Amino acid sequence: MAWTQADIAALKRAIKTGARRVEFGSGETRRVVEYRSLGEMKQILADMEEEVAGALAPSRTAITQFDRD
């Protein structure tokens, strides 16, 4: 499942307020997750941010050219 900036914001709000239950998405894609601890929430948040940052990072392409002289 791909995380979004909205998912990150929802988890950050929950951490700030002390809530362990977080609602992600809306409509048919809505899901509710209850975390066991603050530590678990912080680890998931770090994973989410890493995944989203990787998805936003520009891909690198290397072009190699050889001359036969």
PDB file of N, CA and C in Angstrom:
ATOM      1  N   MET A   1       0.834  -1.167   0.000  1.00  0.00           N
ATOM      2  CA  MET A   1       0.000   0.000   0.000  1.00  0.00           C
ATOM      3  C   MET A   1       0.885   1.238   0.000  1.00  0.00           C
ATOM      4  N   ALA A   2       0.547   2.189  -0.788  1.00  0.00           N
ATOM      5  CA  ALA A   2       1.335   3.416  -0.892  1.00  0.00           C
ATOM      6  C   ALA A   2       0.789   4.452   0.087  1.00  0.00           C
ATOM      7  N   TRP A   3       1.680   5.018   0.875  1.00  0.00           N
ATOM      8  CA  TRP A   3       1.305   6.061   1.819  1.00  0.00           C
ATOM      9  C   TRP A   3       1.241   7.404   1.103  1.00  0.00           C
ATOM     10  N   THR A   4       0.490   8.329   1.671  1.00  0.00           N
ATOM     11  CA  THR A   4       0.364   9.671   1.111  1.00  0.00           C
ATOM     12  C   THR A   4       0.724  10.704   2.176  1.00  0.00           C
ATOM     13  N   GLN A   5       0.878  11.950   1.736  1.00  0.00           N
ATOM     14  CA  GLN A   5       1.130  13.048   2.675  1.00  0.00           C
ATOM     15  C   GLN A   5      -0.036  13.181   3.653  1.00  0.00           C
ATOM     16  N   ALA A   6      -1.250  12.918   3.192  1.00  0.00           N
ATOM     17  CA  ALA A   6      -2.419  12.998   4.078  1.00  0.00           C
ATOM     18  C   ALA A   6      -2.331  11.933   5.174  1.00  0.00           C
ATOM     19  N   ASP A   7      -1.837  10.738   4.842  1.00  0.00           N
ATOM     20  CA  ASP A   7      -1.667   9.678   5.838  1.00  0.00           C
ATOM     21  C   ASP A   7      -0.635  10.100   6.881  1.00  0.00           C
ATOM     22  N   ILE A   8       0.451  10.694   6.424  1.00  0.00           N
ATOM     23  CA  ILE A   8       1.499  11.172   7.335  1.00  0.00           C
ATOM     24  C   ILE A   8       0.929  12.233   8.276  1.00  0.00           C
ATOM     25  N   ALA A   9       0.160  13.163   7.724  1.00  0.00           N
ATOM     26  CA  ALA A   9      -0.440  14.226   8.536  1.00  0.00           C
ATOM     27  C   ALA A   9      -1.399  13.641   9.576  1.00  0.00           C
ATOM     28  N   ALA A  10      -2.179  12.635   9.189  1.00  0.00           N
ATOM     29  CA  ALA A  10      -3.129  12.017  10.123  1.00  0.00           C
ATOM     30  C   ALA A  10      -2.398  11.344  11.275  1.00  0.00           C
ATOM     31  N   LEU A  11      -1.323  10.657  10.971  1.00  0.00           N
ATOM     32  CA  LEU A  11      -0.559   9.986  12.024  1.00  0.00           C
ATOM     33  C   LEU A  11       0.131  11.004  12.933  1.00  0.00           C
ATOM     34  N   LYS A  12       0.655  12.084  12.367  1.00  0.00           N
ATOM     35  CA  LYS A  12       1.284  13.128  13.180  1.00  0.00           C
ATOM     36  C   LYS A  12       0.273  13.766  14.126  1.00  0.00           C
ATOM     37  N   ARG A  13      -0.953  14.005  13.619  1.00  0.00           N
ATOM     38  CA  ARG A  13      -2.002  14.575  14.476  1.00  0.00           C
ATOM     39  C   ARG A  13      -2.298  13.643  15.643  1.00  0.00           C
ATOM     40  N   ALA A  14      -2.392  12.363  15.361  1.00  0.00           N
ATOM     41  CA  ALA A  14      -2.688  11.387  16.413  1.00  0.00           C
ATOM     42  C   ALA A  14      -1.573  11.363  17.455  1.00  0.00           C
ATOM     43  N   ILE A  15      -0.333  11.402  17.006  1.00  0.00           N
ATOM     44  CA  ILE A  15       0.803  11.395  17.932  1.00  0.00           C
ATOM     45  C   ILE A  15       0.756  12.629  18.825  1.00  0.00           C
ATOM     46  N   LYS A  16       0.477  13.783  18.235  1.00  0.00           N
ATOM     47  CA  LYS A  16       0.438  15.029  19.009  1.00  0.00           C
ATOM     48  C   LYS A  16      -0.669  15.033  20.056  1.00  0.00           C
ATOM     49  N   THR A  17      -1.796  14.394  19.737  1.00  0.00           N
ATOM     50  CA  THR A  17      -2.931  14.417  20.662  1.00  0.00           C
ATOM     51  C   THR A  17      -2.942  13.235  21.618  1.00  0.00           C
ATOM     52  N   GLY A  18      -2.058  12.276  21.408  1.00  0.00           N
ATOM     53  CA  GLY A  18      -2.019  11.111  22.286  1.00  0.00           C
ATOM     54  C   GLY A  18      -2.974   9.996  21.880  1.00  0.00           C
ATOM     55  N   ALA A  19      -3.619  10.142  20.743  1.00  0.00           N
ATOM     56  CA  ALA A  19      -4.538   9.106  20.273  1.00  0.00           C
ATOM     57  C   ALA A  19      -3.750   7.939  19.700  1.00  0.00           C
ATOM     58  N   ARG A  20      -4.248   6.730  19.905  1.00  0.00           N
ATOM     59  CA  ARG A  20      -3.602   5.558  19.316  1.00  0.00           C
ATOM     60  C   ARG A  20      -4.380   5.010  18.130  1.00  0.00           C
ATOM     61  N   ARG A  21      -5.566   5.516  17.918  1.00  0.00           N
ATOM     62  CA  ARG A  21      -6.394   5.073  16.800  1.00  0.00           C
ATOM     63  C   ARG A  21      -6.368   6.152  15.722  1.00  0.00           C
ATOM     64  N   VAL A  22      -6.053   5.735  14.485  1.00  0.00           N
ATOM     65  CA  VAL A  22      -5.905   6.683  13.383  1.00  0.00           C
ATOM     66  C   VAL A  22      -6.750   6.225  12.206  1.00  0.00           C
ATOM     67  N   GLU A  23      -7.435   7.193  11.580  1.00  0.00           N
ATOM     68  CA  GLU A  23      -8.230   6.910  10.383  1.00  0.00           C
ATOM     69  C   GLU A  23      -7.462   7.404   9.173  1.00  0.00           C
ATOM     70  N   PHE A  24      -7.255   6.505   8.218  1.00  0.00           N
ATOM     71  CA  PHE A  24      -6.569   6.832   6.979  1.00  0.00           C
ATOM     72  C   PHE A  24      -7.544   6.722   5.825  1.00  0.00           C
ATOM     73  N   GLY A  25      -7.387   7.583   4.825  1.00  0.00           N
ATOM     74  CA  GLY A  25      -8.216   7.515   3.626  1.00  0.00           C
ATOM     75  C   GLY A  25      -9.638   7.979   3.874  1.00  0.00           C
ATOM     76  N   SER A  26     -10.486   7.743   2.865  1.00  0.00           N
ATOM     77  CA  SER A  26     -11.893   8.103   2.966  1.00  0.00           C
ATOM     78  C   SER A  26     -12.695   7.217   2.021  1.00  0.00           C
ATOM     79  N   GLY A  27     -13.988   7.211   2.215  1.00  0.00           N
ATOM     80  CA  GLY A  27     -14.854   6.420   1.339  1.00  0.00           C
ATOM     81  C   GLY A  27     -14.527   4.937   1.410  1.00  0.00           C
ATOM     82  N   GLU A  28     -14.433   4.306   0.256  1.00  0.00           N
ATOM     83  CA  GLU A  28     -14.161   2.877   0.203  1.00  0.00           C
ATOM     84  C   GLU A  28     -12.737   2.523   0.618  1.00  0.00           C
ATOM     85  N   THR A  29     -11.841   3.484   0.542  1.00  0.00           N
ATOM     86  CA  THR A  29     -10.450   3.219   0.905  1.00  0.00           C
ATOM     87  C   THR A  29     -10.169   3.552   2.363  1.00  0.00           C
ATOM     88  N   ARG A  30     -11.177   3.914   3.123  1.00  0.00           N
ATOM     89  CA  ARG A  30     -11.032   4.296   4.523  1.00  0.00           C
ATOM     90  C   ARG A  30     -10.652   3.076   5.361  1.00  0.00           C
ATOM     91  N   ARG A  31      -9.687   3.276   6.250  1.00  0.00           N
ATOM     92  CA  ARG A  31      -9.330   2.229   7.183  1.00  0.00           C
ATOM     93  C   ARG A  31      -8.948   2.854   8.514  1.00  0.00           C
ATOM     94  N   VAL A  32      -9.195   2.136   9.579  1.00  0.00           N
ATOM     95  CA  VAL A  32      -8.864   2.603  10.916  1.00  0.00           C
ATOM     96  C   VAL A  32      -7.819   1.648  11.491  1.00  0.00           C
ATOM     97  N   VAL A  33      -6.754   2.229  12.031  1.00  0.00           N
ATOM     98  CA  VAL A  33      -5.671   1.437  12.608  1.00  0.00           C
ATOM     99  C   VAL A  33      -5.504   1.855  14.060  1.00  0.00           C
ATOM    100  N   GLU A  34      -5.401   0.863  14.934  1.00  0.00           N
ATOM    101  CA  GLU A  34      -5.118   1.156  16.339  1.00  0.00           C
ATOM    102  C   GLU A  34      -3.717   0.634  16.641  1.00  0.00           C
ATOM    103  N   TYR A  35      -2.840   1.541  17.047  1.00  0.00           N
ATOM    104  CA  TYR A  35      -1.454   1.195  17.327  1.00  0.00           C
ATOM    105  C   TYR A  35      -1.299   0.774  18.785  1.00  0.00           C
ATOM    106  N   ARG A  36      -0.305  -0.053  19.055  1.00  0.00           N
ATOM    107  CA  ARG A  36      -0.076  -0.562  20.407  1.00  0.00           C
ATOM    108  C   ARG A  36       0.652   0.433  21.296  1.00  0.00           C
ATOM    109  N   SER A  37       1.509   1.254  20.674  1.00  0.00           N
ATOM    110  CA  SER A  37       2.319   2.158  21.494  1.00  0.00           C
ATOM    111  C   SER A  37       2.758   3.371  20.686  1.00  0.00           C
ATOM    112  N   LEU A  38       3.240   4.370  21.407  1.00  0.00           N
ATOM    113  CA  LEU A  38       3.788   5.562  20.770  1.00  0.00           C
ATOM    114  C   LEU A  38       5.027   5.185  19.958  1.00  0.00           C
ATOM    115  N   GLY A  39       5.825   4.280  20.477  1.00  0.00           N
ATOM    116  CA  GLY A  39       7.013   3.832  19.766  1.00  0.00           C
ATOM    117  C   GLY A  39       6.675   3.216  18.416  1.00  0.00           C
ATOM    118  N   GLU A  40       5.628   2.408  18.396  1.00  0.00           N
ATOM    119  CA  GLU A  40       5.188   1.799  17.136  1.00  0.00           C
ATOM    120  C   GLU A  40       4.731   2.882  16.159  1.00  0.00           C
ATOM    121  N   MET A  41       4.013   3.858  16.651  1.00  0.00           N
ATOM    122  CA  MET A  41       3.523   4.941  15.796  1.00  0.00           C
ATOM    123  C   MET A  41       4.688   5.728  15.197  1.00  0.00           C
ATOM    124  N   LYS A  42       5.703   6.008  16.015  1.00  0.00           N
ATOM    125  CA  LYS A  42       6.857   6.762  15.525  1.00  0.00           C
ATOM    126  C   LYS A  42       7.635   5.970  14.477  1.00  0.00           C
ATOM    127  N   GLN A  43       7.734   4.662  14.656  1.00  0.00           N
ATOM    128  CA  GLN A  43       8.435   3.835  13.677  1.00  0.00           C
ATOM    129  C   GLN A  43       7.671   3.796  12.357  1.00  0.00           C
ATOM    130  N   ILE A  44       6.357   3.648  12.429  1.00  0.00           N
ATOM    131  CA  ILE A  44       5.535   3.645  11.221  1.00  0.00           C
ATOM    132  C   ILE A  44       5.626   5.004  10.532  1.00  0.00           C
ATOM    133  N   LEU A  45       5.613   6.083  11.305  1.00  0.00           N
ATOM    134  CA  LEU A  45       5.734   7.424  10.738  1.00  0.00           C
ATOM    135  C   LEU A  45       7.053   7.564   9.975  1.00  0.00           C
ATOM    136  N   ALA A  46       8.133   7.090  10.557  1.00  0.00           N
ATOM    137  CA  ALA A  46       9.433   7.159   9.882  1.00  0.00           C
ATOM    138  C   ALA A  46       9.402   6.356   8.579  1.00  0.00           C
ATOM    139  N   ASP A  47       8.788   5.175   8.615  1.00  0.00           N
ATOM    140  CA  ASP A  47       8.670   4.348   7.406  1.00  0.00           C
ATOM    141  C   ASP A  47       7.836   5.049   6.341  1.00  0.00           C
ATOM    142  N   MET A  48       6.742   5.672   6.771  1.00  0.00           N
ATOM    143  CA  MET A  48       5.867   6.382   5.839  1.00  0.00           C
ATOM    144  C   MET A  48       6.617   7.530   5.166  1.00  0.00           C
ATOM    145  N   GLU A  49       7.319   8.327   5.983  1.00  0.00           N
ATOM    146  CA  GLU A  49       8.042   9.479   5.441  1.00  0.00           C
ATOM    147  C   GLU A  49       9.144   9.037   4.477  1.00  0.00           C
ATOM    148  N   GLU A  50       9.814   7.945   4.799  1.00  0.00           N
ATOM    149  CA  GLU A  50      10.860   7.428   3.919  1.00  0.00           C
ATOM    150  C   GLU A  50      10.269   6.965   2.585  1.00  0.00           C
ATOM    151  N   GLU A  51       9.142   6.262   2.663  1.00  0.00           N
ATOM    152  CA  GLU A  51       8.497   5.771   1.443  1.00  0.00           C
ATOM    153  C   GLU A  51       8.014   6.919   0.563  1.00  0.00           C
ATOM    154  N   VAL A  52       7.374   7.906   1.166  1.00  0.00           N
ATOM    155  CA  VAL A  52       6.860   9.045   0.399  1.00  0.00           C
ATOM    156  C   VAL A  52       8.019   9.864  -0.181  1.00  0.00           C
ATOM    157  N   ALA A  53       9.072  10.063   0.595  1.00  0.00           N
ATOM    158  CA  ALA A  53      10.231  10.812   0.093  1.00  0.00           C
ATOM    159  C   ALA A  53      10.868  10.085  -1.087  1.00  0.00           C
ATOM    160  N   GLY A  54      10.936   8.771  -1.020  1.00  0.00           N
ATOM    161  CA  GLY A  54      11.490   7.995  -2.119  1.00  0.00           C
ATOM    162  C   GLY A  54      10.640   8.080  -3.366  1.00  0.00           C
ATOM    163  N   ALA A  55       9.338   8.147  -3.184  1.00  0.00           N
ATOM    164  CA  ALA A  55       8.431   8.247  -4.325  1.00  0.00           C
ATOM    165  C   ALA A  55       8.523   9.616  -4.982  1.00  0.00           C
ATOM    166  N   LEU A  56       8.882  10.637  -4.199  1.00  0.00           N
ATOM    167  CA  LEU A  56       8.957  11.994  -4.730  1.00  0.00           C
ATOM    168  C   LEU A  56      10.328  12.329  -5.298  1.00  0.00           C
ATOM    169  N   ALA A  57      11.329  11.538  -4.921  1.00  0.00           N
ATOM    170  CA  ALA A  57      12.691  11.836  -5.382  1.00  0.00           C
ATOM    171  C   ALA A  57      12.802  11.587  -6.882  1.00  0.00           C
ATOM    172  N   PRO A  58      13.493  12.472  -7.565  1.00  0.00           N
ATOM    173  CA  PRO A  58      13.651  12.268  -9.007  1.00  0.00           C
ATOM    174  C   PRO A  58      14.508  11.038  -9.273  1.00  0.00           C
ATOM    175  N   SER A  59      14.146  10.314 -10.291  1.00  0.00           N
ATOM    176  CA  SER A  59      14.949   9.147 -10.638  1.00  0.00           C
ATOM    177  C   SER A  59      16.209   9.602 -11.356  1.00  0.00           C
ATOM    178  N   ARG A  60      17.238   8.839 -11.227  1.00  0.00           N
ATOM    179  CA  ARG A  60      18.510   9.187 -11.849  1.00  0.00           C
ATOM    180  C   ARG A  60      18.732   8.288 -13.052  1.00  0.00           C
ATOM    181  N   THR A  61      19.175   8.890 -14.118  1.00  0.00           N
ATOM    182  CA  THR A  61      19.490   8.163 -15.334  1.00  0.00           C
ATOM    183  C   THR A  61      20.924   8.477 -15.716  1.00  0.00           C
ATOM    184  N   ALA A  62      21.677   7.442 -15.972  1.00  0.00           N
ATOM    185  CA  ALA A  62      23.068   7.631 -16.384  1.00  0.00           C
ATOM    186  C   ALA A  62      23.187   7.258 -17.853  1.00  0.00           C
ATOM    187  N   ILE A  63      23.813   8.114 -18.609  1.00  0.00           N
ATOM    188  CA  ILE A  63      24.046   7.852 -20.022  1.00  0.00           C
ATOM    189  C   ILE A  63      25.551   7.778 -20.227  1.00  0.00           C
ATOM    190  N   THR A  64      25.965   6.663 -20.777  1.00  0.00           N
ATOM    191  CA  THR A  64      27.391   6.462 -21.008  1.00  0.00           C
ATOM    192  C   THR A  64      27.623   6.443 -22.511  1.00  0.00           C
ATOM    193  N   GLN A  65      28.655   7.136 -22.928  1.00  0.00           N
ATOM    194  CA  GLN A  65      28.970   7.201 -24.347  1.00  0.00           C
ATOM    195  C   GLN A  65      30.434   6.817 -24.530  1.00  0.00           C
ATOM    196  N   PHE A  66      30.693   5.973 -25.508  1.00  0.00           N
ATOM    197  CA  PHE A  66      32.054   5.545 -25.813  1.00  0.00           C
ATOM    198  C   PHE A  66      32.393   5.941 -27.243  1.00  0.00           C
ATOM    199  N   ASP A  67      33.594   6.432 -27.424  1.00  0.00           N
ATOM    200  CA  ASP A  67      34.105   6.736 -28.771  1.00  0.00           C
ATOM    201  C   ASP A  67      35.154   5.701 -29.126  1.00  0.00           C
ATOM    202  N   ARG A  68      35.086   5.219 -30.339  1.00  0.00           N
ATOM    203  CA  ARG A  68      36.089   4.266 -30.802  1.00  0.00           C
ATOM    204  C   ARG A  68      37.076   5.023 -31.704  1.00  0.00           C
ATOM    205  N   ASP A  69      38.170   5.359 -31.155  1.00  0.00           N
ATOM    206  CA  ASP A  69      39.203   6.075 -31.930  1.00  0.00           C
ATOM    207  C   ASP A  69      40.403   5.203 -32.146  1.00  0.00           C
TER     208      ASP A  69
END
